[in-house]
Amino acid sequence: MLNLLPELLTYEILVPLIFRLFLGFYLVTKSINHYKQSRKIFGLSEFTIGGFLILGLFTQIAAFIFFLGLLNFIYTKRICQKKGLFNFYTLLLIVSLSLIFLGAGFWAIDLPL
């Protein structure tokens, strides 16, 4: 298949890095809000998972834990009624699922096995 921008294929290793940083910084900022709202254990777990994702440490395990937690949240809270939130949480699910399969990527502490 013809690729319109073949020069961009050399940057495919950066995709997991961008996904990791996006998901990690999102979790760290959400954890600060949860910690201030006196949900300390939930905030600390989000902060830990976000920190692991930013550093690239145990990336696939952290993404899998976040994936399962987000599926549980969507199922129990019935987010489907709010259209904008459902789209955003679907995006987070897809990003975490892709990190499970892609791995840590570039500039990570994880080593590919």
Foldseek 3Di string as FASTA:
>chain_A
DDDPCVVCVVVPLCVLLVLLLVQLVVLLVVLVVCVVVVVNVSSVLSNVLSVCSNQLHPLLVSLVVVLVVLVVVCVVVVCVVPPVVVVVSVVSNVSSVVCNVPGNGPNHPDDDD
